[in-house]
Amino acid sequence: MDTINTQNEQLTEYTMTLIRHKARQLVGKAGYTKDDVEDIEQDLIRDLLERLPKFDPARATLNTFADRVIGSRVCNLLRHRQTEMRDCRREAFSLNDEIETEDGPMQLHETVSQDEVDLRTDRYTRPAAERDHLNFDLKAVIVSLPPELQEVAEMLRSHSVAEVVRALGIPRRTFREKHLAQLREVFAASRMDDYLR
């Protein structure tokens, strides 16, 4: 049987292949990445070597013993990692905590931009710079519209369709067929379809 000399202990080729396979299987689970594979392999080898003195050839083969030990360790790694991920203390911090930066000490809240807060709280779906560019493009398209459609487009920037229909005093179907259809065509031609969603 082929063996590999690992930390002065003899492990079978099967065992080493199993360790490599199990380590790669953990990638993408419980936050493990490809960068963790080597560390996981070392952990599995260390754990197996620590348990080897308990191996009893009368009860099982070395490969069976290794399979059970490695499988158990993998389960423990996943359980521990998932428990860590659920631990609310991992996220517990104050925005008033002081941290060291290249510019010296500052409070954590000073490192978070309003733009990032707006994106994380779903106030906006796009970063401020992108919103500015789109707003500029939007104004250019609206200015090119006939006066009646300009008014409707401006109203739709801050009001729902139902509110605009009420304000104009026209049926919703008429509004969709007359105004929205024209606006969709103009915005699609200008590649500004995103504003119509």
N, C-alpha and C. Protein backbone atom coordinates (compact mmCIF):
# COMPACT_ATOMS: atom_id res chain seq x y z
N MET A 1 0.85 -1.18 0.00
CA MET A 1 0.00 0.00 0.00
C MET A 1 0.89 1.24 0.00
N ASP A 2 0.59 2.23 -0.90
CA ASP A 2 1.37 3.46 -0.96
C ASP A 2 1.14 4.28 0.29
N THR A 3 2.21 4.86 0.83
CA THR A 3 2.08 5.73 2.00
C THR A 3 2.82 7.01 1.75
N ILE A 4 2.45 8.05 2.50
CA ILE A 4 3.10 9.35 2.42
C ILE A 4 3.60 9.68 3.80
N ASN A 5 4.84 10.13 3.89
CA ASN A 5 5.39 10.50 5.18
C ASN A 5 4.96 11.92 5.49
N THR A 6 4.05 12.08 6.46
CA THR A 6 3.53 13.38 6.83
C THR A 6 3.79 13.62 8.31
N GLN A 7 4.59 14.61 8.62
CA GLN A 7 4.94 14.95 10.00
C GLN A 7 5.38 13.69 10.75
N ASN A 8 6.27 12.90 10.14
CA ASN A 8 6.84 11.69 10.72
C ASN A 8 5.81 10.59 10.99
N GLU A 9 4.64 10.68 10.43
CA GLU A 9 3.62 9.64 10.58
C GLU A 9 3.31 9.10 9.19
N GLN A 10 2.93 7.85 9.14
CA GLN A 10 2.61 7.23 7.86
C GLN A 10 1.10 7.33 7.60
N LEU A 11 0.70 8.06 6.54
CA LEU A 11 -0.69 8.15 6.11
C LEU A 11 -0.78 7.55 4.72
N THR A 12 -1.84 6.85 4.43
CA THR A 12 -1.98 6.21 3.12
C THR A 12 -2.29 7.25 2.04
N GLU A 13 -2.03 6.87 0.81
CA GLU A 13 -2.36 7.73 -0.33
C GLU A 13 -3.86 8.00 -0.34
N TYR A 14 -4.65 6.96 0.00
CA TYR A 14 -6.10 7.12 0.08
C TYR A 14 -6.46 8.22 1.08
N THR A 15 -5.83 8.21 2.23
CA THR A 15 -6.12 9.18 3.29
C THR A 15 -5.80 10.60 2.82
N MET A 16 -4.64 10.77 2.19
CA MET A 16 -4.25 12.10 1.72
C MET A 16 -5.19 12.58 0.61
N THR A 17 -5.59 11.68 -0.28
CA THR A 17 -6.55 12.05 -1.34
C THR A 17 -7.88 12.45 -0.73
N LEU A 18 -8.31 11.69 0.28
CA LEU A 18 -9.56 11.99 0.97
C LEU A 18 -9.49 13.37 1.63
N ILE A 19 -8.38 13.68 2.27
CA ILE A 19 -8.21 14.97 2.94
C ILE A 19 -8.29 16.10 1.91
N ARG A 20 -7.58 15.94 0.79
CA ARG A 20 -7.62 16.98 -0.25
C ARG A 20 -9.03 17.16 -0.80
N HIS A 21 -9.71 16.04 -1.01
CA HIS A 21 -11.07 16.06 -1.55
C HIS A 21 -12.04 16.75 -0.58
N LYS A 22 -11.97 16.37 0.69
CA LYS A 22 -12.87 16.96 1.69
C LYS A 22 -12.61 18.46 1.87
N ALA A 23 -11.35 18.85 1.81
CA ALA A 23 -11.00 20.27 1.96
C ALA A 23 -11.58 21.08 0.80
N ARG A 24 -11.47 20.54 -0.43
CA ARG A 24 -12.03 21.24 -1.60
C ARG A 24 -13.55 21.28 -1.55
N GLN A 25 -14.17 20.25 -0.98
CA GLN A 25 -15.63 20.21 -0.88
C GLN A 25 -16.17 21.33 0.02
N LEU A 26 -15.36 21.79 0.97
CA LEU A 26 -15.82 22.83 1.88
C LEU A 26 -15.86 24.22 1.25
N VAL A 27 -15.19 24.39 0.11
CA VAL A 27 -15.18 25.69 -0.56
C VAL A 27 -16.61 26.06 -0.94
N GLY A 28 -17.00 27.28 -0.55
CA GLY A 28 -18.35 27.75 -0.84
C GLY A 28 -19.35 27.43 0.25
N LYS A 29 -18.93 26.69 1.26
CA LYS A 29 -19.82 26.36 2.38
C LYS A 29 -19.38 27.12 3.62
N ALA A 30 -20.34 27.69 4.32
CA ALA A 30 -20.10 28.38 5.59
C ALA A 30 -18.99 29.44 5.48
N GLY A 31 -18.85 30.04 4.31
CA GLY A 31 -17.89 31.12 4.15
C GLY A 31 -16.48 30.67 3.79
N TYR A 32 -16.24 29.37 3.61
CA TYR A 32 -14.91 28.90 3.21
C TYR A 32 -14.66 29.25 1.75
N THR A 33 -13.41 29.62 1.44
CA THR A 33 -13.03 29.96 0.07
C THR A 33 -11.85 29.09 -0.35
N LYS A 34 -11.44 29.23 -1.61
CA LYS A 34 -10.28 28.47 -2.11
C LYS A 34 -9.03 28.77 -1.30
N ASP A 35 -8.95 29.99 -0.78
CA ASP A 35 -7.79 30.37 0.02
C ASP A 35 -7.69 29.57 1.32
N ASP A 36 -8.81 28.98 1.74
CA ASP A 36 -8.84 28.22 3.00
C ASP A 36 -8.45 26.76 2.83
N VAL A 37 -8.37 26.27 1.59
CA VAL A 37 -8.17 24.84 1.35
C VAL A 37 -6.93 24.30 2.04
N GLU A 38 -5.80 24.98 1.89
CA GLU A 38 -4.55 24.49 2.49
C GLU A 38 -4.66 24.43 4.02
N ASP A 39 -5.27 25.44 4.62
CA ASP A 39 -5.45 25.45 6.07
C ASP A 39 -6.36 24.31 6.52
N ILE A 40 -7.41 24.07 5.75
CA ILE A 40 -8.33 22.98 6.09
C ILE A 40 -7.60 21.64 6.00
N GLU A 41 -6.82 21.46 4.95
CA GLU A 41 -6.04 20.22 4.80
C GLU A 41 -5.14 20.01 6.01
N GLN A 42 -4.43 21.06 6.41
CA GLN A 42 -3.53 20.95 7.58
C GLN A 42 -4.31 20.61 8.84
N ASP A 43 -5.47 21.21 8.99
CA ASP A 43 -6.31 20.93 10.16
C ASP A 43 -6.75 19.47 10.18
N LEU A 44 -7.17 18.96 9.01
CA LEU A 44 -7.61 17.56 8.92
C LEU A 44 -6.46 16.60 9.19
N ILE A 45 -5.28 16.91 8.66
CA ILE A 45 -4.11 16.06 8.91
C ILE A 45 -3.76 16.06 10.39
N ARG A 46 -3.70 17.25 11.00
CA ARG A 46 -3.38 17.37 12.42
C ARG A 46 -4.35 16.57 13.27
N ASP A 47 -5.65 16.73 12.98
CA ASP A 47 -6.67 16.03 13.76
C ASP A 47 -6.53 14.52 13.62
N LEU A 48 -6.29 14.06 12.40
CA LEU A 48 -6.12 12.62 12.17
C LEU A 48 -4.89 12.09 12.90
N LEU A 49 -3.78 12.84 12.81
CA LEU A 49 -2.56 12.39 13.47
C LEU A 49 -2.73 12.34 14.99
N GLU A 50 -3.49 13.27 15.54
CA GLU A 50 -3.74 13.27 16.99
C GLU A 50 -4.58 12.05 17.40
N ARG A 51 -5.43 11.60 16.49
CA ARG A 51 -6.33 10.48 16.82
C ARG A 51 -5.75 9.11 16.44
N LEU A 52 -4.66 9.09 15.67
CA LEU A 52 -4.08 7.82 15.24
C LEU A 52 -3.74 6.86 16.39
N PRO A 53 -3.29 7.34 17.55
CA PRO A 53 -3.00 6.39 18.64
C PRO A 53 -4.23 5.57 19.07
N LYS A 54 -5.43 6.07 18.76
CA LYS A 54 -6.65 5.35 19.13
C LYS A 54 -7.05 4.32 18.07
N PHE A 55 -6.32 4.28 16.96
CA PHE A 55 -6.64 3.35 15.88
C PHE A 55 -6.42 1.91 16.35
N ASP A 56 -7.46 1.07 16.12
CA ASP A 56 -7.40 -0.35 16.49
C ASP A 56 -7.61 -1.17 15.22
N PRO A 57 -6.53 -1.79 14.68
CA PRO A 57 -6.65 -2.56 13.44
C PRO A 57 -7.63 -3.74 13.56
N ALA A 58 -7.92 -4.17 14.78
CA ALA A 58 -8.86 -5.28 14.96
C ALA A 58 -10.30 -4.83 14.69
N ARG A 59 -10.57 -3.52 14.78
CA ARG A 59 -11.92 -3.02 14.62
C ARG A 59 -12.20 -2.49 13.21
N ALA A 60 -11.18 -1.96 12.53
CA ALA A 60 -11.38 -1.41 11.18
C ALA A 60 -10.03 -1.22 10.50
N THR A 61 -10.08 -0.99 9.19
CA THR A 61 -8.84 -0.70 8.46
C THR A 61 -8.45 0.76 8.75
N LEU A 62 -7.22 1.10 8.45
CA LEU A 62 -6.76 2.47 8.64
C LEU A 62 -7.57 3.44 7.77
N ASN A 63 -7.89 3.01 6.55
CA ASN A 63 -8.66 3.87 5.66
C ASN A 63 -10.06 4.14 6.21
N THR A 64 -10.71 3.13 6.77
CA THR A 64 -12.04 3.31 7.36
C THR A 64 -11.95 4.23 8.56
N PHE A 65 -10.94 3.99 9.40
CA PHE A 65 -10.73 4.83 10.59
C PHE A 65 -10.52 6.29 10.15
N ALA A 66 -9.66 6.50 9.15
CA ALA A 66 -9.36 7.84 8.66
C ALA A 66 -10.62 8.49 8.07
N ASP A 67 -11.40 7.73 7.33
CA ASP A 67 -12.63 8.24 6.73
C ASP A 67 -13.58 8.76 7.81
N ARG A 68 -13.73 8.00 8.87
CA ARG A 68 -14.64 8.41 9.96
C ARG A 68 -14.10 9.64 10.70
N VAL A 69 -12.81 9.64 10.98
CA VAL A 69 -12.20 10.77 11.71
C VAL A 69 -12.29 12.05 10.88
N ILE A 70 -11.94 11.95 9.61
CA ILE A 70 -11.96 13.12 8.72
C ILE A 70 -13.39 13.62 8.54
N GLY A 71 -14.32 12.70 8.32
CA GLY A 71 -15.72 13.09 8.18
C GLY A 71 -16.24 13.80 9.41
N SER A 72 -15.88 13.30 10.57
CA SER A 72 -16.30 13.92 11.83
C SER A 72 -15.71 15.32 11.99
N ARG A 73 -14.44 15.45 11.63
CA ARG A 73 -13.78 16.76 11.75
C ARG A 73 -14.40 17.77 10.79
N VAL A 74 -14.74 17.35 9.58
CA VAL A 74 -15.37 18.24 8.60
C VAL A 74 -16.70 18.74 9.16
N CYS A 75 -17.49 17.83 9.74
CA CYS A 75 -18.78 18.23 10.35
C CYS A 75 -18.55 19.25 11.46
N ASN A 76 -17.53 19.02 12.28
CA ASN A 76 -17.23 19.95 13.37
C ASN A 76 -16.79 21.32 12.84
N LEU A 77 -15.98 21.32 11.78
CA LEU A 77 -15.54 22.59 11.18
C LEU A 77 -16.74 23.39 10.67
N LEU A 78 -17.64 22.70 9.97
CA LEU A 78 -18.83 23.37 9.45
C LEU A 78 -19.71 23.89 10.58
N ARG A 79 -19.93 23.05 11.58
CA ARG A 79 -20.78 23.45 12.71
C ARG A 79 -20.19 24.67 13.42
N HIS A 80 -18.88 24.62 13.66
CA HIS A 80 -18.22 25.74 14.34
C HIS A 80 -18.30 27.02 13.52
N ARG A 81 -18.06 26.90 12.22
CA ARG A 81 -18.07 28.07 11.34
C ARG A 81 -19.48 28.67 11.25
N GLN A 82 -20.49 27.82 11.15
CA GLN A 82 -21.87 28.30 11.06
C GLN A 82 -22.31 28.94 12.38
N THR A 83 -21.86 28.39 13.49
CA THR A 83 -22.18 28.98 14.79
C THR A 83 -21.54 30.36 14.89
N GLU A 84 -20.30 30.47 14.43
CA GLU A 84 -19.62 31.77 14.42
C GLU A 84 -20.37 32.77 13.58
N MET A 85 -20.87 32.32 12.41
CA MET A 85 -21.57 33.22 11.49
C MET A 85 -22.89 33.70 12.10
N ARG A 86 -23.52 32.87 12.91
CA ARG A 86 -24.80 33.25 13.53
C ARG A 86 -24.59 34.07 14.79
N ASP A 87 -23.39 34.08 15.32
CA ASP A 87 -23.12 34.75 16.60
C ASP A 87 -23.30 36.26 16.44
N CYS A 88 -24.31 36.81 17.11
CA CYS A 88 -24.60 38.23 16.97
C CYS A 88 -23.45 39.10 17.48
N ARG A 89 -22.61 38.56 18.35
CA ARG A 89 -21.48 39.35 18.87
C ARG A 89 -20.46 39.67 17.78
N ARG A 90 -20.45 38.87 16.70
CA ARG A 90 -19.53 39.16 15.59
C ARG A 90 -19.86 40.49 14.96
N GLU A 91 -21.12 40.87 14.98
CA GLU A 91 -21.56 42.11 14.35
C GLU A 91 -21.70 43.26 15.33
N ALA A 92 -21.52 42.97 16.61
CA ALA A 92 -21.75 43.99 17.62
C ALA A 92 -20.58 44.98 17.66
N PHE A 93 -20.86 46.20 17.33
CA PHE A 93 -19.87 47.27 17.43
C PHE A 93 -20.62 48.58 17.42
N SER A 94 -19.97 49.60 17.85
CA SER A 94 -20.57 50.91 17.86
C SER A 94 -19.95 51.75 16.75
N LEU A 95 -20.77 52.54 16.10
CA LEU A 95 -20.23 53.44 15.09
C LEU A 95 -19.39 54.54 15.71
N ASN A 96 -19.45 54.64 17.03
CA ASN A 96 -18.62 55.62 17.73
C ASN A 96 -17.27 55.03 18.15
N ASP A 97 -17.05 53.73 17.90
CA ASP A 97 -15.77 53.12 18.21
C ASP A 97 -14.67 53.82 17.42
N GLU A 98 -13.55 53.99 18.07
CA GLU A 98 -12.42 54.65 17.41
C GLU A 98 -11.54 53.60 16.75
N ILE A 99 -11.12 53.90 15.51
CA ILE A 99 -10.23 53.00 14.78
C ILE A 99 -9.03 53.80 14.28
N GLU A 100 -7.96 53.08 14.00
CA GLU A 100 -6.75 53.71 13.47
C GLU A 100 -6.80 53.68 11.94
N THR A 101 -6.55 54.79 11.31
CA THR A 101 -6.49 54.85 9.85
C THR A 101 -5.17 55.51 9.46
N GLU A 102 -4.92 55.60 8.17
CA GLU A 102 -3.70 56.25 7.68
C GLU A 102 -3.66 57.71 8.11
N ASP A 103 -4.85 58.32 8.26
CA ASP A 103 -4.94 59.73 8.64
C ASP A 103 -5.00 59.92 10.16
N GLY A 104 -4.81 58.86 10.90
CA GLY A 104 -4.88 58.94 12.35
C GLY A 104 -6.18 58.35 12.88
N PRO A 105 -6.41 58.47 14.19
CA PRO A 105 -7.62 57.88 14.77
C PRO A 105 -8.88 58.60 14.31
N MET A 106 -9.95 57.84 14.09
CA MET A 106 -11.24 58.43 13.78
C MET A 106 -12.33 57.46 14.20
N GLN A 107 -13.53 57.99 14.35
CA GLN A 107 -14.63 57.14 14.73
C GLN A 107 -15.13 56.38 13.51
N LEU A 108 -15.63 55.17 13.76
CA LEU A 108 -16.04 54.30 12.67
C LEU A 108 -17.06 54.95 11.75
N HIS A 109 -18.00 55.71 12.30
CA HIS A 109 -19.03 56.33 11.46
C HIS A 109 -18.45 57.31 10.45
N GLU A 110 -17.25 57.83 10.73
CA GLU A 110 -16.62 58.77 9.80
C GLU A 110 -16.09 58.06 8.55
N THR A 111 -16.01 56.74 8.60
CA THR A 111 -15.49 55.98 7.45
C THR A 111 -16.60 55.50 6.53
N VAL A 112 -17.86 55.71 6.93
CA VAL A 112 -19.00 55.27 6.13
C VAL A 112 -19.64 56.48 5.46
N SER A 113 -19.69 56.46 4.14
CA SER A 113 -20.26 57.60 3.42
C SER A 113 -21.79 57.53 3.45
N GLN A 114 -22.41 58.70 3.27
CA GLN A 114 -23.87 58.74 3.20
C GLN A 114 -24.37 57.91 2.02
N ASP A 115 -23.59 57.92 0.94
CA ASP A 115 -23.95 57.15 -0.24
C ASP A 115 -24.04 55.66 0.09
N GLU A 116 -23.05 55.15 0.86
CA GLU A 116 -23.05 53.75 1.25
C GLU A 116 -24.24 53.44 2.16
N VAL A 117 -24.55 54.35 3.07
CA VAL A 117 -25.71 54.17 3.94
C VAL A 117 -26.98 54.10 3.11
N ASP A 118 -27.12 55.00 2.15
CA ASP A 118 -28.30 55.03 1.30
C ASP A 118 -28.46 53.73 0.49
N LEU A 119 -27.34 53.20 -0.01
CA LEU A 119 -27.40 51.96 -0.78
C LEU A 119 -27.74 50.77 0.10
N ARG A 120 -27.14 50.71 1.30
CA ARG A 120 -27.39 49.58 2.21
C ARG A 120 -28.79 49.59 2.81
N THR A 121 -29.39 50.76 2.92
CA THR A 121 -30.75 50.85 3.47
C THR A 121 -31.80 50.88 2.37
N ASP A 122 -31.36 50.63 1.14
CA ASP A 122 -32.26 50.59 -0.02
C ASP A 122 -32.97 51.90 -0.30
N ARG A 123 -32.39 52.99 0.17
CA ARG A 123 -32.96 54.29 -0.19
C ARG A 123 -32.75 54.54 -1.67
N TYR A 124 -31.58 54.13 -2.16
CA TYR A 124 -31.27 54.20 -3.58
C TYR A 124 -30.74 52.86 -4.04
N THR A 125 -30.90 52.59 -5.33
CA THR A 125 -30.38 51.34 -5.88
C THR A 125 -29.09 51.55 -6.66
N ARG A 126 -28.71 52.84 -6.84
CA ARG A 126 -27.50 53.16 -7.59
C ARG A 126 -26.63 54.10 -6.76
N PRO A 127 -25.30 54.03 -6.93
CA PRO A 127 -24.41 54.97 -6.25
C PRO A 127 -24.68 56.41 -6.69
N ALA A 128 -24.30 57.38 -5.87
CA ALA A 128 -24.57 58.80 -6.13
C ALA A 128 -24.01 59.26 -7.48
N ALA A 129 -22.81 58.86 -7.82
CA ALA A 129 -22.20 59.29 -9.09
C ALA A 129 -23.02 58.80 -10.27
N GLU A 130 -23.47 57.56 -10.20
CA GLU A 130 -24.28 57.02 -11.29
C GLU A 130 -25.63 57.73 -11.35
N ARG A 131 -26.20 58.03 -10.17
CA ARG A 131 -27.48 58.76 -10.15
C ARG A 131 -27.34 60.14 -10.77
N ASP A 132 -26.21 60.81 -10.49
CA ASP A 132 -25.98 62.14 -11.07
C ASP A 132 -25.92 62.08 -12.59
N HIS A 133 -25.19 61.08 -13.12
CA HIS A 133 -25.09 60.93 -14.58
C HIS A 133 -26.46 60.64 -15.19
N LEU A 134 -27.19 59.74 -14.58
CA LEU A 134 -28.51 59.38 -15.10
C LEU A 134 -29.48 60.56 -15.00
N ASN A 135 -29.38 61.33 -13.93
CA ASN A 135 -30.24 62.51 -13.75
C ASN A 135 -29.96 63.53 -14.86
N PHE A 136 -28.70 63.73 -15.18
CA PHE A 136 -28.31 64.64 -16.25
C PHE A 136 -28.89 64.17 -17.58
N ASP A 137 -28.75 62.85 -17.85
CA ASP A 137 -29.30 62.29 -19.09
C ASP A 137 -30.82 62.40 -19.13
N LEU A 138 -31.44 62.17 -17.99
CA LEU A 138 -32.89 62.25 -17.90
C LEU A 138 -33.39 63.66 -18.22
N LYS A 139 -32.73 64.66 -17.65
CA LYS A 139 -33.12 66.05 -17.92
C LYS A 139 -32.99 66.38 -19.40
N ALA A 140 -31.93 65.86 -20.03
CA ALA A 140 -31.72 66.12 -21.45
C ALA A 140 -32.84 65.51 -22.29
N VAL A 141 -33.30 64.32 -21.92
CA VAL A 141 -34.39 63.69 -22.66
C VAL A 141 -35.69 64.44 -22.42
N ILE A 142 -35.96 64.82 -21.18
CA ILE A 142 -37.22 65.52 -20.86
C ILE A 142 -37.31 66.85 -21.59
N VAL A 143 -36.21 67.59 -21.67
CA VAL A 143 -36.20 68.89 -22.37
C VAL A 143 -36.54 68.72 -23.85
N SER A 144 -36.21 67.56 -24.41
CA SER A 144 -36.47 67.34 -25.84
C SER A 144 -37.92 66.94 -26.13
N LEU A 145 -38.73 66.73 -25.09
CA LEU A 145 -40.13 66.30 -25.26
C LEU A 145 -41.04 67.48 -25.58
N PRO A 146 -42.20 67.20 -26.21
CA PRO A 146 -43.22 68.25 -26.37
C PRO A 146 -43.70 68.69 -24.99
N PRO A 147 -44.19 69.94 -24.84
CA PRO A 147 -44.57 70.48 -23.53
C PRO A 147 -45.50 69.60 -22.70
N GLU A 148 -46.52 69.00 -23.34
CA GLU A 148 -47.46 68.16 -22.58
C GLU A 148 -46.76 66.93 -21.98
N LEU A 149 -45.87 66.28 -22.77
CA LEU A 149 -45.13 65.11 -22.28
C LEU A 149 -44.07 65.51 -21.26
N GLN A 150 -43.49 66.71 -21.43
CA GLN A 150 -42.53 67.21 -20.42
C GLN A 150 -43.19 67.28 -19.06
N GLU A 151 -44.41 67.83 -19.04
CA GLU A 151 -45.15 67.97 -17.78
C GLU A 151 -45.39 66.60 -17.15
N VAL A 152 -45.84 65.65 -17.96
CA VAL A 152 -46.12 64.30 -17.46
C VAL A 152 -44.85 63.64 -16.94
N ALA A 153 -43.76 63.75 -17.70
CA ALA A 153 -42.48 63.14 -17.29
C ALA A 153 -41.99 63.74 -15.99
N GLU A 154 -42.09 65.04 -15.82
CA GLU A 154 -41.68 65.69 -14.57
C GLU A 154 -42.53 65.21 -13.40
N MET A 155 -43.85 65.09 -13.64
CA MET A 155 -44.74 64.61 -12.59
C MET A 155 -44.39 63.19 -12.17
N LEU A 156 -44.06 62.35 -13.15
CA LEU A 156 -43.74 60.95 -12.86
C LEU A 156 -42.42 60.79 -12.09
N ARG A 157 -41.58 61.80 -12.10
CA ARG A 157 -40.31 61.72 -11.36
C ARG A 157 -40.55 61.67 -9.86
N SER A 158 -41.67 62.27 -9.40
CA SER A 158 -41.89 62.32 -7.96
C SER A 158 -43.27 61.80 -7.53
N HIS A 159 -44.08 61.36 -8.48
CA HIS A 159 -45.43 60.88 -8.14
C HIS A 159 -45.70 59.54 -8.82
N SER A 160 -46.62 58.78 -8.24
CA SER A 160 -47.01 57.50 -8.83
C SER A 160 -47.93 57.75 -10.03
N VAL A 161 -48.12 56.71 -10.83
CA VAL A 161 -49.01 56.81 -11.99
C VAL A 161 -50.41 57.19 -11.52
N ALA A 162 -50.88 56.57 -10.44
CA ALA A 162 -52.23 56.85 -9.92
C ALA A 162 -52.37 58.33 -9.55
N GLU A 163 -51.33 58.89 -8.92
CA GLU A 163 -51.38 60.30 -8.52
C GLU A 163 -51.39 61.22 -9.75
N VAL A 164 -50.59 60.87 -10.76
CA VAL A 164 -50.53 61.69 -11.97
C VAL A 164 -51.86 61.63 -12.71
N VAL A 165 -52.45 60.44 -12.81
CA VAL A 165 -53.75 60.28 -13.49
C VAL A 165 -54.81 61.13 -12.79
N ARG A 166 -54.83 61.10 -11.47
CA ARG A 166 -55.79 61.92 -10.71
C ARG A 166 -55.57 63.40 -10.97
N ALA A 167 -54.30 63.81 -10.94
CA ALA A 167 -53.98 65.23 -11.14
C ALA A 167 -54.40 65.70 -12.54
N LEU A 168 -54.23 64.84 -13.53
CA LEU A 168 -54.58 65.21 -14.91
C LEU A 168 -56.08 65.04 -15.17
N GLY A 169 -56.76 64.27 -14.33
CA GLY A 169 -58.19 64.06 -14.49
C GLY A 169 -58.57 63.25 -15.71
N ILE A 170 -57.72 62.26 -16.07
CA ILE A 170 -58.02 61.41 -17.23
C ILE A 170 -58.04 59.95 -16.78
N PRO A 171 -58.73 59.08 -17.53
CA PRO A 171 -58.75 57.66 -17.17
C PRO A 171 -57.33 57.06 -17.28
N ARG A 172 -57.10 56.06 -16.45
CA ARG A 172 -55.78 55.41 -16.40
C ARG A 172 -55.43 54.79 -17.77
N ARG A 173 -56.39 54.17 -18.41
CA ARG A 173 -56.13 53.54 -19.71
C ARG A 173 -55.72 54.58 -20.74
N THR A 174 -56.40 55.69 -20.75
CA THR A 174 -56.05 56.77 -21.67
C THR A 174 -54.64 57.26 -21.39
N PHE A 175 -54.32 57.40 -20.12
CA PHE A 175 -52.97 57.85 -19.73
C PHE A 175 -51.91 56.88 -20.24
N ARG A 176 -52.17 55.58 -20.03
CA ARG A 176 -51.20 54.57 -20.47
C ARG A 176 -51.02 54.60 -21.98
N GLU A 177 -52.13 54.65 -22.70
CA GLU A 177 -52.07 54.60 -24.16
C GLU A 177 -51.52 55.88 -24.77
N LYS A 178 -51.89 57.02 -24.20
CA LYS A 178 -51.49 58.30 -24.79
C LYS A 178 -50.11 58.75 -24.31
N HIS A 179 -49.94 58.83 -23.00
CA HIS A 179 -48.70 59.40 -22.45
C HIS A 179 -47.59 58.37 -22.22
N LEU A 180 -47.92 57.30 -21.50
CA LEU A 180 -46.88 56.33 -21.17
C LEU A 180 -46.30 55.66 -22.41
N ALA A 181 -47.14 55.33 -23.36
CA ALA A 181 -46.64 54.68 -24.59
C ALA A 181 -45.63 55.58 -25.30
N GLN A 182 -45.94 56.88 -25.40
CA GLN A 182 -45.02 57.81 -26.06
C GLN A 182 -43.72 57.95 -25.25
N LEU A 183 -43.87 58.07 -23.93
CA LEU A 183 -42.67 58.20 -23.09
C LEU A 183 -41.78 56.96 -23.21
N ARG A 184 -42.40 55.79 -23.23
CA ARG A 184 -41.62 54.54 -23.36
C ARG A 184 -40.82 54.54 -24.67
N GLU A 185 -41.46 54.97 -25.75
CA GLU A 185 -40.78 55.01 -27.05
C GLU A 185 -39.57 55.95 -27.01
N VAL A 186 -39.80 57.15 -26.46
CA VAL A 186 -38.72 58.15 -26.40
C VAL A 186 -37.58 57.65 -25.52
N PHE A 187 -37.93 57.12 -24.34
CA PHE A 187 -36.89 56.65 -23.42
C PHE A 187 -36.15 55.43 -23.98
N ALA A 188 -36.87 54.54 -24.64
CA ALA A 188 -36.23 53.38 -25.25
C ALA A 188 -35.28 53.82 -26.36
N ALA A 189 -35.71 54.78 -27.17
CA ALA A 189 -34.85 55.28 -28.25
C ALA A 189 -33.59 55.95 -27.69
N SER A 190 -33.72 56.53 -26.49
CA SER A 190 -32.58 57.19 -25.84
C SER A 190 -31.80 56.25 -24.94
N ARG A 191 -32.19 54.97 -24.94
CA ARG A 191 -31.57 53.95 -24.09
C ARG A 191 -31.69 54.32 -22.61
N MET A 192 -32.84 54.81 -22.23
CA MET A 192 -33.10 55.21 -20.85
C MET A 192 -34.24 54.38 -20.26
N ASP A 193 -34.40 53.15 -20.75
CA ASP A 193 -35.51 52.29 -20.33
C ASP A 193 -35.56 52.09 -18.81
N ASP A 194 -34.41 52.14 -18.14
CA ASP A 194 -34.36 51.91 -16.69
C ASP A 194 -35.28 52.84 -15.92
N TYR A 195 -35.49 54.04 -16.44
CA TYR A 195 -36.33 55.00 -15.74
C TYR A 195 -37.80 54.61 -15.77
N LEU A 196 -38.15 53.70 -16.65
CA LEU A 196 -39.55 53.33 -16.79
C LEU A 196 -39.92 52.14 -15.94
N ARG A 197 -38.99 51.60 -15.16
CA ARG A 197 -39.28 50.45 -14.32
C ARG A 197 -39.75 50.88 -12.96
